[in-house]
Each structure stands twice: as structure tokens, then as C-alpha cells.
PDB file of N, CA and C in Angstrom:
ATOM      1  N   MET A   1     -10.066  -5.411   1.718  1.00  0.00           N
ATOM      2  CA  MET A   1      -9.424  -4.499   1.006  1.00  0.00           C
ATOM      3  C   MET A   1      -9.043  -5.061  -0.367  1.00  0.00           C
ATOM      4  N   ARG A   2      -9.342  -4.259  -1.422  1.00  0.00           N
ATOM      5  CA  ARG A   2      -9.029  -4.726  -2.714  1.00  0.00           C
ATOM      6  C   ARG A   2      -8.132  -3.578  -3.422  1.00  0.00           C
ATOM      7  N   ALA A   3      -7.212  -4.063  -4.148  1.00  0.00           N
ATOM      8  CA  ALA A   3      -6.240  -3.109  -4.815  1.00  0.00           C
ATOM      9  C   ALA A   3      -5.770  -3.650  -6.110  1.00  0.00           C
ATOM     10  N   ALA A   4      -5.155  -2.914  -7.006  1.00  0.00           N
ATOM     11  CA  ALA A   4      -4.616  -3.244  -8.307  1.00  0.00           C
ATOM     12  C   ALA A   4      -3.177  -2.774  -8.370  1.00  0.00           C
ATOM     13  N   ILE A   5      -2.366  -3.216  -9.322  1.00  0.00           N
ATOM     14  CA  ILE A   5      -1.064  -2.755  -9.567  1.00  0.00           C
ATOM     15  C   ILE A   5      -1.177  -1.351  -9.967  1.00  0.00           C
ATOM     16  N   GLY A   6      -0.306  -0.505  -9.292  1.00  0.00           N
ATOM     17  CA  GLY A   6      -0.279   0.932  -9.438  1.00  0.00           C
ATOM     18  C   GLY A   6      -1.001   1.752  -8.535  1.00  0.00           C
ATOM     19  N   ASP A   7      -1.869   1.046  -7.619  1.00  0.00           N
ATOM     20  CA  ASP A   7      -2.534   1.754  -6.607  1.00  0.00           C
ATOM     21  C   ASP A   7      -1.559   2.116  -5.547  1.00  0.00           C
ATOM     22  N   LYS A   8      -1.940   3.006  -4.710  1.00  0.00           N
ATOM     23  CA  LYS A   8      -1.069   3.357  -3.529  1.00  0.00           C
ATOM     24  C   LYS A   8      -1.720   3.001  -2.256  1.00  0.00           C
ATOM     25  N   ILE A   9      -0.883   2.508  -1.340  1.00  0.00           N
ATOM     26  CA  ILE A   9      -1.291   2.174   0.019  1.00  0.00           C
ATOM     27  C   ILE A   9      -0.732   3.272   0.905  1.00  0.00           C
ATOM     28  N   VAL A  10      -1.535   3.767   1.843  1.00  0.00           N
ATOM     29  CA  VAL A  10      -1.190   4.744   2.745  1.00  0.00           C
ATOM     30  C   VAL A  10      -1.492   4.214   4.176  1.00  0.00           C
ATOM     31  N   VAL A  11      -0.312   4.242   5.021  1.00  0.00           N
ATOM     32  CA  VAL A  11      -0.425   3.779   6.402  1.00  0.00           C
ATOM     33  C   VAL A  11      -0.363   4.942   7.276  1.00  0.00           C
ATOM     34  N   ARG A  12      -1.457   5.214   7.991  1.00  0.00           N
ATOM     35  CA  ARG A  12      -1.498   6.393   8.914  1.00  0.00           C
ATOM     36  C   ARG A  12      -0.539   6.298  10.022  1.00  0.00           C
ATOM     37  N   SER A  13      -0.010   7.386  10.413  1.00  0.00           N
ATOM     38  CA  SER A  13       0.878   7.435  11.589  1.00  0.00           C
ATOM     39  C   SER A  13       0.058   7.238  12.926  1.00  0.00           C
ATOM     40  N   HIS A  14       0.728   6.662  13.903  1.00  0.00           N
ATOM     41  CA  HIS A  14       0.054   6.525  15.198  1.00  0.00           C
ATOM     42  C   HIS A  14       0.563   7.550  16.267  1.00  0.00           C
ATOM     43  N   ARG A  15       1.542   8.428  15.800  1.00  0.00           N
ATOM     44  CA  ARG A  15       2.076   9.356  16.762  1.00  0.00           C
ATOM     45  C   ARG A  15       2.093  10.683  16.094  1.00  0.00           C
ATOM     46  N   VAL A  16       1.821  11.759  17.014  1.00  0.00           N
ATOM     47  CA  VAL A  16       1.687  13.091  16.580  1.00  0.00           C
ATOM     48  C   VAL A  16       3.180  13.536  16.064  1.00  0.00           C
ATOM     49  N   GLY A  17       3.225  14.208  14.887  1.00  0.00           N
ATOM     50  CA  GLY A  17       4.410  14.620  14.256  1.00  0.00           C
ATOM     51  C   GLY A  17       5.112  13.651  13.362  1.00  0.00           C
ATOM     52  N   GLU A  18       4.702  12.430  13.338  1.00  0.00           N
ATOM     53  CA  GLU A  18       5.147  11.524  12.333  1.00  0.00           C
ATOM     54  C   GLU A  18       4.215  11.513  11.056  1.00  0.00           C
ATOM     55  N   HIS A  19       4.935  11.272   9.862  1.00  0.00           N
ATOM     56  CA  HIS A  19       4.223  11.280   8.608  1.00  0.00           C
ATOM     57  C   HIS A  19       3.662   9.922   8.353  1.00  0.00           C
ATOM     58  N   ALA A  20       2.626   9.909   7.443  1.00  0.00           N
ATOM     59  CA  ALA A  20       2.093   8.611   6.995  1.00  0.00           C
ATOM     60  C   ALA A  20       3.095   8.059   5.997  1.00  0.00           C
ATOM     61  N   ARG A  21       3.121   6.761   5.985  1.00  0.00           N
ATOM     62  CA  ARG A  21       3.936   6.060   4.967  1.00  0.00           C
ATOM     63  C   ARG A  21       3.119   5.721   3.764  1.00  0.00           C
ATOM     64  N   GLU A  22       3.784   5.853   2.617  1.00  0.00           N
ATOM     65  CA  GLU A  22       3.064   5.512   1.366  1.00  0.00           C
ATOM     66  C   GLU A  22       3.891   4.527   0.571  1.00  0.00           C
ATOM     67  N   ALA A  23       3.164   3.600  -0.183  1.00  0.00           N
ATOM     68  CA  ALA A  23       3.865   2.554  -1.012  1.00  0.00           C
ATOM     69  C   ALA A  23       3.071   2.371  -2.215  1.00  0.00           C
ATOM     70  N   ILE A  24       3.764   2.137  -3.367  1.00  0.00           N
ATOM     71  CA  ILE A  24       3.067   1.747  -4.592  1.00  0.00           C
ATOM     72  C   ILE A  24       2.993   0.215  -4.684  1.00  0.00           C
ATOM     73  N   ILE A  25       1.877  -0.187  -5.105  1.00  0.00           N
ATOM     74  CA  ILE A  25       1.630  -1.676  -5.258  1.00  0.00           C
ATOM     75  C   ILE A  25       2.233  -2.145  -6.636  1.00  0.00           C
ATOM     76  N   LEU A  26       3.244  -3.079  -6.544  1.00  0.00           N
ATOM     77  CA  LEU A  26       3.879  -3.651  -7.674  1.00  0.00           C
ATOM     78  C   LEU A  26       3.207  -4.917  -8.147  1.00  0.00           C
ATOM     79  N   ALA A  27       2.700  -5.688  -7.161  1.00  0.00           N
ATOM     80  CA  ALA A  27       2.057  -6.956  -7.563  1.00  0.00           C
ATOM     81  C   ALA A  27       0.938  -7.225  -6.549  1.00  0.00           C
ATOM     82  N   VAL A  28      -0.132  -7.895  -6.990  1.00  0.00           N
ATOM     83  CA  VAL A  28      -1.139  -8.292  -6.037  1.00  0.00           C
ATOM     84  C   VAL A  28      -1.079  -9.856  -5.904  1.00  0.00           C
ATOM     85  N   GLU A  29      -0.856 -10.290  -4.746  1.00  0.00           N
ATOM     86  CA  GLU A  29      -0.571 -11.807  -4.565  1.00  0.00           C
ATOM     87  C   GLU A  29      -1.843 -12.515  -4.126  1.00  0.00           C
ATOM     88  N   GLY A  30      -2.775 -11.918  -3.508  1.00  0.00           N
ATOM     89  CA  GLY A  30      -4.000 -12.564  -3.062  1.00  0.00           C
ATOM     90  C   GLY A  30      -5.075 -12.670  -4.140  1.00  0.00           C
ATOM     91  N   PRO A  31      -6.055 -13.443  -3.898  1.00  0.00           N
ATOM     92  CA  PRO A  31      -7.137 -13.606  -4.910  1.00  0.00           C
ATOM     93  C   PRO A  31      -8.055 -12.362  -4.991  1.00  0.00           C
ATOM     94  N   ASP A  32      -8.584 -11.967  -6.072  1.00  0.00           N
ATOM     95  CA  ASP A  32      -9.509 -10.947  -6.343  1.00  0.00           C
ATOM     96  C   ASP A  32      -9.083  -9.575  -5.827  1.00  0.00           C
ATOM     97  N   GLY A  33      -7.760  -9.320  -6.015  1.00  0.00           N
ATOM     98  CA  GLY A  33      -7.234  -7.979  -5.514  1.00  0.00           C
ATOM     99  C   GLY A  33      -6.980  -7.909  -4.057  1.00  0.00           C
ATOM    100  N   GLY A  34      -7.025  -9.006  -3.307  1.00  0.00           N
ATOM    101  CA  GLY A  34      -6.783  -8.963  -1.909  1.00  0.00           C
ATOM    102  C   GLY A  34      -5.320  -9.038  -1.639  1.00  0.00           C
ATOM    103  N   PRO A  35      -4.918  -8.785  -0.301  1.00  0.00           N
ATOM    104  CA  PRO A  35      -3.597  -8.949   0.108  1.00  0.00           C
ATOM    105  C   PRO A  35      -3.134 -10.448   0.136  1.00  0.00           C
ATOM    106  N   PRO A  36      -1.843 -10.743   0.152  1.00  0.00           N
ATOM    107  CA  PRO A  36      -0.744  -9.750   0.390  1.00  0.00           C
ATOM    108  C   PRO A  36      -0.422  -8.929  -0.923  1.00  0.00           C
ATOM    109  N   TYR A  37       0.261  -7.783  -0.729  1.00  0.00           N
ATOM    110  CA  TYR A  37       0.755  -7.045  -1.832  1.00  0.00           C
ATOM    111  C   TYR A  37       2.195  -6.971  -1.823  1.00  0.00           C
ATOM    112  N   ARG A  38       2.864  -6.920  -3.026  1.00  0.00           N
ATOM    113  CA  ARG A  38       4.263  -6.540  -3.135  1.00  0.00           C
ATOM    114  C   ARG A  38       4.316  -5.095  -3.403  1.00  0.00           C
ATOM    115  N   VAL A  39       4.999  -4.358  -2.531  1.00  0.00           N
ATOM    116  CA  VAL A  39       5.012  -2.949  -2.671  1.00  0.00           C
ATOM    117  C   VAL A  39       6.493  -2.397  -2.600  1.00  0.00           C
ATOM    118  N   ARG A  40       6.554  -1.051  -3.061  1.00  0.00           N
ATOM    119  CA  ARG A  40       7.833  -0.251  -2.942  1.00  0.00           C
ATOM    120  C   ARG A  40       7.424   0.989  -2.122  1.00  0.00           C
ATOM    121  N   TRP A  41       8.082   1.164  -0.912  1.00  0.00           N
ATOM    122  CA  TRP A  41       7.898   2.229  -0.030  1.00  0.00           C
ATOM    123  C   TRP A  41       8.491   3.430  -0.692  1.00  0.00           C
ATOM    124  N   ASN A  42       7.835   4.536  -0.646  1.00  0.00           N
ATOM    125  CA  ASN A  42       8.218   5.819  -1.220  1.00  0.00           C
ATOM    126  C   ASN A  42       9.317   6.404  -0.352  1.00  0.00           C
ATOM    127  N   ASP A  43       9.427   6.285   0.910  1.00  0.00           N
ATOM    128  CA  ASP A  43      10.295   6.994   1.672  1.00  0.00           C
ATOM    129  C   ASP A  43      11.755   6.407   1.640  1.00  0.00           C
ATOM    130  N   ASP A  44      11.848   5.094   1.385  1.00  0.00           N
ATOM    131  CA  ASP A  44      13.283   4.541   1.335  1.00  0.00           C
ATOM    132  C   ASP A  44      13.490   3.606   0.237  1.00  0.00           C
ATOM    133  N   GLY A  45      12.525   3.374  -0.633  1.00  0.00           N
ATOM    134  CA  GLY A  45      12.698   2.516  -1.836  1.00  0.00           C
ATOM    135  C   GLY A  45      12.694   1.092  -1.630  1.00  0.00           C
ATOM    136  N   HIS A  46      12.538   0.753  -0.335  1.00  0.00           N
ATOM    137  CA  HIS A  46      12.454  -0.715   0.098  1.00  0.00           C
ATOM    138  C   HIS A  46      11.291  -1.470  -0.590  1.00  0.00           C
ATOM    139  N   GLU A  47      11.558  -2.724  -1.131  1.00  0.00           N
ATOM    140  CA  GLU A  47      10.461  -3.418  -1.676  1.00  0.00           C
ATOM    141  C   GLU A  47      10.255  -4.707  -0.760  1.00  0.00           C
ATOM    142  N   GLY A  48       8.979  -5.026  -0.645  1.00  0.00           N
ATOM    143  CA  GLY A  48       8.695  -6.235   0.180  1.00  0.00           C
ATOM    144  C   GLY A  48       7.195  -6.591   0.036  1.00  0.00           C
ATOM    145  N   VAL A  49       6.788  -7.657   0.825  1.00  0.00           N
ATOM    146  CA  VAL A  49       5.452  -8.167   0.802  1.00  0.00           C
ATOM    147  C   VAL A  49       4.802  -7.464   1.962  1.00  0.00           C
ATOM    148  N   PHE A  50       3.536  -6.985   1.816  1.00  0.00           N
ATOM    149  CA  PHE A  50       2.843  -6.205   2.806  1.00  0.00           C
ATOM    150  C   PHE A  50       1.422  -6.704   3.058  1.00  0.00           C
ATOM    151  N   PHE A  51       1.090  -7.038   4.296  1.00  0.00           N
ATOM    152  CA  PHE A  51      -0.187  -7.393   4.706  1.00  0.00           C
ATOM    153  C   PHE A  51      -0.744  -6.206   5.509  1.00  0.00           C
ATOM    154  N   PRO A  52      -1.710  -5.402   4.779  1.00  0.00           N
ATOM    155  CA  PRO A  52      -2.176  -4.219   5.489  1.00  0.00           C
ATOM    156  C   PRO A  52      -2.987  -4.445   6.719  1.00  0.00           C
ATOM    157  N   GLY A  53      -2.929  -3.564   7.588  1.00  0.00           N
ATOM    158  CA  GLY A  53      -3.638  -3.599   8.906  1.00  0.00           C
ATOM    159  C   GLY A  53      -4.836  -2.614   8.794  1.00  0.00           C
ATOM    160  N   ALA A  54      -5.502  -2.432   9.951  1.00  0.00           N
ATOM    161  CA  ALA A  54      -6.647  -1.468   9.918  1.00  0.00           C
ATOM    162  C   ALA A  54      -6.292  -0.052   9.780  1.00  0.00           C
ATOM    163  N   ASP A  55      -4.968   0.234   9.925  1.00  0.00           N
ATOM    164  CA  ASP A  55      -4.542   1.736   9.740  1.00  0.00           C
ATOM    165  C   ASP A  55      -4.116   2.003   8.363  1.00  0.00           C
ATOM    166  N   ALA A  56      -4.292   1.104   7.397  1.00  0.00           N
ATOM    167  CA  ALA A  56      -3.910   1.272   5.998  1.00  0.00           C
ATOM    168  C   ALA A  56      -5.151   1.506   5.092  1.00  0.00           C
ATOM    169  N   VAL A  57      -5.026   2.331   4.121  1.00  0.00           N
ATOM    170  CA  VAL A  57      -6.039   2.523   3.064  1.00  0.00           C
ATOM    171  C   VAL A  57      -5.393   2.498   1.686  1.00  0.00           C
ATOM    172  N   VAL A  58      -6.277   2.174   0.776  1.00  0.00           N
ATOM    173  CA  VAL A  58      -5.786   2.118  -0.630  1.00  0.00           C
ATOM    174  C   VAL A  58      -6.330   3.231  -1.361  1.00  0.00           C
ATOM    175  N   GLU A  59      -5.407   3.992  -2.033  1.00  0.00           N
ATOM    176  CA  GLU A  59      -5.828   5.084  -2.897  1.00  0.00           C
ATOM    177  C   GLU A  59      -5.751   4.536  -4.341  1.00  0.00           C
ATOM    178  N   HIS A  60      -6.854   4.330  -5.051  1.00  0.00           N
ATOM    179  CA  HIS A  60      -6.899   3.705  -6.364  1.00  0.00           C
ATOM    180  C   HIS A  60      -6.311   4.622  -7.479  1.00  0.00           C
ATOM    181  N   TYR A  61      -5.489   4.008  -8.304  1.00  0.00           N
ATOM    182  CA  TYR A  61      -4.923   4.739  -9.404  1.00  0.00           C
ATOM    183  C   TYR A  61      -6.094   4.994 -10.479  1.00  0.00           C
ATOM    184  N   PRO A  62      -6.147   6.255 -10.895  1.00  0.00           N
ATOM    185  CA  PRO A  62      -7.259   6.486 -11.794  1.00  0.00           C
ATOM    186  C   PRO A  62      -7.114   5.832 -13.206  1.00  0.00           C
ATOM    187  N   ALA A  63      -8.072   5.210 -13.626  1.00  0.00           N
ATOM    188  CA  ALA A  63      -8.032   4.421 -14.933  1.00  0.00           C
ATOM    189  C   ALA A  63      -7.954   5.420 -16.086  1.00  0.00           C
ATOM    190  N   ALA A  64      -7.178   5.047 -17.139  1.00  0.00           N
ATOM    191  CA  ALA A  64      -6.990   6.044 -18.172  1.00  0.00           C
ATOM    192  C   ALA A  64      -8.136   5.790 -19.176  1.00  0.00           C
TER     193      ALA A  64
END
């Protein structure tokens, strides 16, 4: 998984009726855009370090 600052991480729900969680990448801590990522979760504003699992995807921020 590769990401850049400003990209969005989406973690899919494992249960019917639950929403996916989304976070904005604030910093990339790993080499070459790899994890871990410092993120801010959209649902509660919590910031932390995130190591994505197989249920996570990166939505790349469009370049200007």
C-alpha cells in the first residue's frame, strides 16, 4: 500500500449496517509512501498512527 499526505484511507465494515470508517492521511511514516500513517478519523476527529489491514484501501487525492 502506498499513500501520500492528503489521501484518504477507507476501512470497510465487517458487519451489515455498519458504515465504513474514513481517515485523512496527515503524515507518512514509512519509506516510499508505505505505512504506518498518521491519520485523522472523520467520524470522531481522533488522530493516531494507523497500520492498514487487508480491509483498508487508499483513495488518492487528485493532483492539482
